[in-house]
Amino acid sequence: MGICIFGSLNMDLVVQAPRLPKPGETLSGSKFETIPGGKGANQAVAAARLGSQAHLFGRVGGDGFGQQSISSLRSQGVVCDDIAIDDSTHTGIASIIVASNGANQIVLAAGANGQVGEVDIDRLQNKLPGMSALLLQLEIPIDIAIAAAKAAQAAGVNVILDPAPAPIQFPLEFYRLIDILTPNQTEAEQLLGVEIHTIDDAIQAAQQFRQKGVQRVVLTLGEQGIVVADEQGVIHWPSYPTTVVDTTAAGDAFNGAVAAALDRQHPWTTALQWGLAAGALTVSRSGAQPSLPSQTELFRFLQSLP
């Protein structure tokens, strides 16, 4: 079938540091890298590496970073025919600090991602028929993301939304367009105006999203695993064992893997297992796209579990 991914392409400017700096503090880092990223691009690579035909829709600037991003994506099997080059602006940038314990801080400059518009929706509509899912994130304007979700719903295509970064205002109509919502703890807190300290808190939050009209909710909790709310009820799944090196792109790995499993007609529970495994493998390595697992790595990891 195939998956459409409508979202951001960034160049990640990554500095390794002993810890995250305090406000106003200058901290000496060590390693510096430029790595293609962006939530849309990362999710496309995650799905492609797991055997799906991943069609990415988005924009880059007319600069070297844009060309580098597209070249990297193509080399990893992502279909890039619908990535527009916008000479009026720069490619999106993510400035990322990664601490020695794997925690990160990220600041975005949207660039071309902020220029995604109706013309991009028109291209998307032409490709949606026959696809298994549309993957969305919120590093593009939220009104355009909503328009993309409406186009997918009209085409009978499932919508998977990673609500990151969480917007200040999240229209109620958007929830009703979403088949699978995958917020992390911080995003869930911001969207619902609650605090999540325990698994029970996460269960209540997931149920609130269901009450807003979302079909399936997967609230990701890092090393504490996931809370899943769907038509069968609510359940907590523990995470798989791993050594955390860098948490960048963990959510993207999860989303891409869930979409890839469903694209292959696997059951919902298998898709969640793929997502957890992909996340565990991704955080055990550095970088965004370079850390995303292949199909062979994912299967080997799942087979190694007790």
Protein backbone atom coordinates (compact mmCIF):
# COMPACT_ATOMS: atom_id res chain seq x y z
CA MET A 1 0.00 0.00 0.00
CA GLY A 2 2.25 2.79 1.24
CA ILE A 3 2.36 5.66 3.71
CA CYS A 4 2.16 9.42 3.16
CA ILE A 5 4.15 11.56 5.58
CA PHE A 6 3.30 15.27 5.56
CA GLY A 7 5.65 17.31 7.68
CA SER A 8 8.96 18.92 8.40
CA LEU A 9 12.45 18.53 7.03
CA ASN A 10 15.25 20.04 9.11
CA MET A 11 18.97 20.05 9.32
CA ASP A 12 19.92 19.12 12.87
CA LEU A 13 22.89 21.02 14.29
CA VAL A 14 23.92 18.75 17.14
CA VAL A 15 26.35 19.45 19.98
CA GLN A 16 27.28 16.80 22.55
CA ALA A 17 27.63 18.23 26.07
CA PRO A 18 28.25 16.81 29.54
CA ARG A 19 24.82 18.07 30.65
CA LEU A 20 22.14 20.51 29.55
CA PRO A 21 23.07 24.16 30.23
CA LYS A 22 21.25 26.29 32.79
CA PRO A 23 19.64 29.59 31.65
CA GLY A 24 22.38 32.12 30.87
CA GLU A 25 25.15 29.53 31.16
CA THR A 26 27.85 28.95 28.54
CA LEU A 27 28.88 25.31 28.54
CA SER A 28 31.74 23.64 26.69
CA GLY A 29 30.57 20.84 24.44
CA SER A 30 32.52 18.19 22.60
CA LYS A 31 31.35 16.65 19.33
CA PHE A 32 29.45 18.68 16.69
CA GLU A 33 27.53 17.22 13.73
CA THR A 34 25.09 18.30 11.03
CA ILE A 35 22.52 15.53 10.58
CA PRO A 36 19.39 15.54 8.38
CA GLY A 37 16.29 15.53 10.58
CA GLY A 38 12.85 17.02 11.09
CA LYS A 39 9.95 15.00 12.44
CA GLY A 40 8.41 14.44 9.03
CA ALA A 41 11.68 13.31 7.47
CA ASN A 42 12.57 11.14 10.47
CA GLN A 43 9.23 9.35 10.39
CA ALA A 44 9.56 8.78 6.65
CA VAL A 45 13.00 7.22 7.11
CA ALA A 46 11.74 5.12 10.03
CA ALA A 47 8.93 3.68 7.90
CA ALA A 48 11.11 3.19 4.82
CA ARG A 49 13.77 1.30 6.76
CA LEU A 50 11.06 -1.06 8.00
CA GLY A 51 9.95 -1.95 4.50
CA SER A 52 7.17 0.54 3.70
CA GLN A 53 6.94 2.77 0.65
CA ALA A 54 7.20 6.16 2.36
CA HIS A 55 6.09 9.24 0.39
CA LEU A 56 7.26 12.47 2.05
CA PHE A 57 5.49 15.79 1.47
CA GLY A 58 7.12 19.02 2.68
CA ARG A 59 9.45 21.89 1.84
CA VAL A 60 13.12 22.77 2.04
CA GLY A 61 14.91 26.02 1.29
CA GLY A 62 16.99 26.69 -1.77
CA ASP A 63 20.23 26.05 0.09
CA GLY A 64 22.82 23.37 0.68
CA PHE A 65 21.02 21.99 3.71
CA GLY A 66 17.93 21.36 1.60
CA GLN A 67 19.85 19.49 -1.08
CA GLN A 68 21.68 17.49 1.57
CA SER A 69 18.37 16.53 3.20
CA ILE A 70 16.76 15.34 -0.03
CA SER A 71 19.86 13.42 -1.10
CA SER A 72 20.03 11.66 2.26
CA LEU A 73 16.33 10.77 2.20
CA ARG A 74 16.52 9.32 -1.31
CA SER A 75 19.52 7.20 -0.34
CA GLN A 76 17.38 5.63 2.39
CA GLY A 77 14.48 4.76 0.12
CA VAL A 78 12.11 7.65 0.85
CA VAL A 79 10.06 8.87 -2.13
CA CYS A 80 10.92 12.58 -2.41
CA ASP A 81 9.03 13.58 -5.58
CA ASP A 82 6.67 15.84 -3.61
CA ILE A 83 9.23 17.79 -1.59
CA ALA A 84 9.12 21.40 -2.81
CA ILE A 85 12.20 23.65 -2.93
CA ASP A 86 11.37 27.16 -1.71
CA ASP A 87 14.02 29.68 -2.78
CA SER A 88 12.42 32.43 -0.66
CA THR A 89 13.61 30.99 2.65
CA HIS A 90 16.04 28.63 4.37
CA THR A 91 15.72 24.96 5.18
CA GLY A 92 14.36 24.32 8.66
CA ILE A 93 16.99 24.19 11.39
CA ALA A 94 17.01 22.32 14.70
CA SER A 95 19.67 23.34 17.21
CA ILE A 96 20.09 20.32 19.49
CA ILE A 97 22.10 19.86 22.67
CA VAL A 98 22.52 16.24 23.75
CA ALA A 99 23.67 15.57 27.33
CA SER A 100 25.79 12.59 28.36
CA ASN A 101 22.73 10.92 29.92
CA GLY A 102 20.87 11.08 26.59
CA ALA A 103 18.56 13.98 27.48
CA ASN A 104 18.22 16.74 24.90
CA GLN A 105 17.12 20.33 24.35
CA ILE A 106 15.89 21.44 20.92
CA VAL A 107 15.21 24.88 19.43
CA LEU A 108 13.64 25.12 15.97
CA ALA A 109 13.82 27.72 13.20
CA ALA A 110 10.99 26.65 10.89
CA GLY A 111 12.18 28.22 7.64
CA ALA A 112 10.59 26.42 4.69
CA ASN A 113 8.49 24.25 7.03
CA GLY A 114 6.51 27.36 7.95
CA GLN A 115 5.72 28.00 4.28
CA VAL A 116 3.92 24.71 3.68
CA GLY A 117 0.48 25.58 2.27
CA GLU A 118 -2.54 24.70 0.15
CA VAL A 119 -0.48 23.87 -2.93
CA ASP A 120 1.20 21.13 -0.89
CA ILE A 121 -2.23 19.85 0.20
CA ASP A 122 -3.22 19.62 -3.47
CA ARG A 123 -0.23 17.37 -4.18
CA LEU A 124 -1.05 15.26 -1.14
CA GLN A 125 -4.67 14.72 -2.22
CA ASN A 126 -3.49 13.22 -5.48
CA LYS A 127 -1.40 10.58 -3.68
CA LEU A 128 -3.67 9.63 -0.76
CA PRO A 129 -6.00 7.13 -2.49
CA GLY A 130 -4.76 3.61 -1.80
CA MET A 131 -2.40 4.62 1.01
CA SER A 132 -2.68 2.94 4.41
CA ALA A 133 -1.96 6.01 6.56
CA LEU A 134 -1.08 9.68 6.72
CA LEU A 135 1.56 10.57 9.30
CA LEU A 136 1.41 14.14 10.63
CA GLN A 137 3.38 16.23 13.12
CA LEU A 138 3.15 19.90 14.12
CA GLU A 139 6.42 21.40 12.90
CA ILE A 140 4.26 22.77 10.06
CA PRO A 141 1.37 25.27 10.44
CA ILE A 142 -1.47 23.61 12.34
CA ASP A 143 -4.16 24.82 9.92
CA ILE A 144 -2.33 23.02 7.10
CA ALA A 145 -2.00 19.88 9.23
CA ILE A 146 -5.77 19.98 9.82
CA ALA A 147 -6.40 20.39 6.08
CA ALA A 148 -4.16 17.38 5.42
CA ALA A 149 -6.09 15.32 8.00
CA LYS A 150 -9.39 16.28 6.37
CA ALA A 151 -8.04 15.21 2.97
CA ALA A 152 -6.97 11.86 4.43
CA GLN A 153 -10.32 11.29 6.12
CA ALA A 154 -12.11 12.05 2.83
CA ALA A 155 -9.89 9.49 1.10
CA GLY A 156 -10.55 6.84 3.76
CA VAL A 157 -6.93 6.93 4.96
CA ASN A 158 -6.02 6.60 8.66
CA VAL A 159 -4.50 9.69 10.29
CA ILE A 160 -1.64 9.26 12.79
CA LEU A 161 -0.70 12.49 14.60
CA ASP A 162 2.38 13.12 16.70
CA PRO A 163 1.32 16.45 18.33
CA ALA A 164 4.84 17.83 18.60
CA PRO A 165 5.56 20.56 19.31
CA ALA A 166 2.29 20.91 21.23
CA PRO A 167 0.43 24.06 20.08
CA ILE A 168 -1.05 26.66 22.43
CA GLN A 169 -4.46 26.17 20.81
CA PHE A 170 -5.55 22.75 19.57
CA PRO A 171 -8.95 22.91 17.81
CA LEU A 172 -11.49 20.31 18.96
CA GLU A 173 -12.30 19.48 15.32
CA PHE A 174 -8.73 18.21 14.88
CA TYR A 175 -9.16 15.52 17.54
CA ARG A 176 -12.13 14.12 15.64
CA LEU A 177 -10.00 13.67 12.52
CA ILE A 178 -7.33 11.59 14.29
CA ASP A 179 -7.29 7.80 14.25
CA ILE A 180 -4.09 7.42 16.31
CA LEU A 181 -2.69 10.17 18.59
CA THR A 182 0.83 9.70 20.02
CA PRO A 183 1.72 12.48 22.49
CA ASN A 184 4.59 12.18 24.92
CA GLN A 185 4.13 13.12 28.57
CA THR A 186 4.98 16.81 28.12
CA GLU A 187 2.73 17.20 25.08
CA ALA A 188 -0.17 15.50 26.84
CA GLU A 189 0.23 17.82 29.82
CA GLN A 190 0.26 20.89 27.58
CA LEU A 191 -2.71 19.81 25.46
CA LEU A 192 -4.89 18.83 28.41
CA GLY A 193 -3.70 21.34 31.01
CA VAL A 194 -2.90 18.59 33.52
CA GLU A 195 0.16 17.21 35.31
CA ILE A 196 1.21 13.60 34.78
CA HIS A 197 3.27 12.11 37.61
CA THR A 198 2.13 8.50 37.70
CA ILE A 199 0.90 5.75 35.39
CA ASP A 200 -2.61 6.35 36.74
CA ASP A 201 -2.30 10.02 35.72
CA ALA A 202 -1.27 8.91 32.23
CA ILE A 203 -4.23 6.53 32.02
CA GLN A 204 -6.62 9.35 32.91
CA ALA A 205 -4.98 11.63 30.32
CA ALA A 206 -5.29 8.99 27.60
CA GLN A 207 -8.97 8.57 28.44
CA GLN A 208 -9.48 12.34 28.15
CA PHE A 209 -8.09 12.27 24.61
CA ARG A 210 -10.50 9.46 23.75
CA GLN A 211 -13.37 11.56 25.08
CA LYS A 212 -12.35 14.33 22.67
CA GLY A 213 -12.95 12.01 19.71
CA VAL A 214 -9.59 10.30 19.09
CA GLN A 215 -9.96 6.64 18.10
CA ARG A 216 -6.71 5.33 19.59
CA VAL A 217 -4.30 7.06 21.96
CA VAL A 218 -0.72 6.02 22.68
CA LEU A 219 0.80 8.18 25.41
CA THR A 220 4.56 7.63 25.33
CA LEU A 221 6.39 7.80 28.66
CA GLY A 222 10.03 7.12 27.77
CA GLU A 223 11.58 4.49 30.03
CA GLN A 224 8.17 3.93 31.66
CA GLY A 225 6.74 2.61 28.40
CA ILE A 226 3.38 3.56 26.90
CA VAL A 227 -0.25 3.89 27.94
CA VAL A 228 -2.67 2.76 25.23
CA ALA A 229 -6.34 3.75 25.17
CA ASP A 230 -8.53 2.30 22.44
CA GLU A 231 -11.87 0.61 21.88
CA GLN A 232 -10.73 -2.31 24.07
CA GLY A 233 -9.96 -0.14 27.11
CA VAL A 234 -6.76 1.27 28.63
CA ILE A 235 -3.53 -0.62 29.32
CA HIS A 236 0.05 0.19 30.35
CA TRP A 237 2.83 -1.45 28.34
CA PRO A 238 6.33 -1.35 29.89
CA SER A 239 9.25 -0.29 27.71
CA TYR A 240 11.77 -2.77 26.36
CA PRO A 241 15.22 -2.86 28.03
CA THR A 242 17.83 -0.60 26.44
CA THR A 243 20.81 1.63 27.20
CA VAL A 244 19.94 5.29 26.62
CA VAL A 245 22.53 7.24 24.63
CA ASP A 246 20.42 9.87 22.83
CA THR A 247 16.63 10.27 22.99
CA THR A 248 16.44 12.35 19.80
CA ALA A 249 13.94 10.85 17.30
CA ALA A 250 12.62 8.21 19.72
CA GLY A 251 9.06 9.37 19.09
CA ASP A 252 9.65 9.50 15.35
CA ALA A 253 10.95 5.93 15.41
CA PHE A 254 7.86 4.82 17.32
CA ASN A 255 5.43 6.52 14.93
CA GLY A 256 7.17 5.32 11.80
CA ALA A 257 7.32 1.76 13.09
CA VAL A 258 3.65 1.66 14.12
CA ALA A 259 2.65 2.98 10.69
CA ALA A 260 4.93 0.50 8.92
CA ALA A 261 3.50 -2.45 10.85
CA LEU A 262 -0.09 -1.42 10.10
CA ASP A 263 0.88 -0.86 6.46
CA ARG A 264 1.97 -4.50 6.39
CA GLN A 265 -1.47 -5.49 7.75
CA HIS A 266 -0.11 -6.54 11.15
CA PRO A 267 -2.47 -6.45 14.17
CA TRP A 268 -2.60 -3.38 16.43
CA THR A 269 -0.72 -5.17 19.22
CA THR A 270 2.09 -6.11 16.83
CA ALA A 271 2.29 -2.50 15.65
CA LEU A 272 2.77 -1.38 19.25
CA GLN A 273 5.52 -3.96 19.72
CA TRP A 274 7.26 -2.64 16.60
CA GLY A 275 6.96 0.90 17.95
CA LEU A 276 8.43 0.03 21.34
CA ALA A 277 11.28 -1.93 19.75
CA ALA A 278 12.10 0.84 17.28
CA GLY A 279 12.15 3.39 20.10
CA ALA A 280 14.41 1.22 22.26
CA LEU A 281 16.89 0.71 19.42
CA THR A 282 16.88 4.39 18.44
CA VAL A 283 17.70 5.75 21.90
CA SER A 284 20.65 3.35 22.16
CA ARG A 285 22.48 5.26 19.40
CA SER A 286 23.37 8.86 18.56
CA GLY A 287 21.68 11.10 16.02
CA ALA A 288 18.18 11.25 14.57
CA GLN A 289 18.01 9.48 11.21
CA PRO A 290 21.29 7.53 11.66
CA SER A 291 19.88 5.85 14.77
CA LEU A 292 16.64 4.58 13.19
CA PRO A 293 16.62 0.77 12.94
CA SER A 294 16.42 -1.42 9.88
CA GLN A 295 13.88 -4.20 9.52
CA THR A 296 16.57 -6.80 10.25
CA GLU A 297 17.66 -5.01 13.42
CA LEU A 298 14.08 -4.67 14.65
CA PHE A 299 13.25 -8.34 14.07
CA ARG A 300 16.50 -9.45 15.72
CA PHE A 301 15.75 -7.24 18.73
CA LEU A 302 12.22 -8.60 19.12
CA GLN A 303 13.47 -12.19 18.84
CA SER A 304 16.05 -11.51 21.58
CA LEU A 305 13.41 -10.53 24.12
CA PRO A 306 12.50 -13.10 26.78
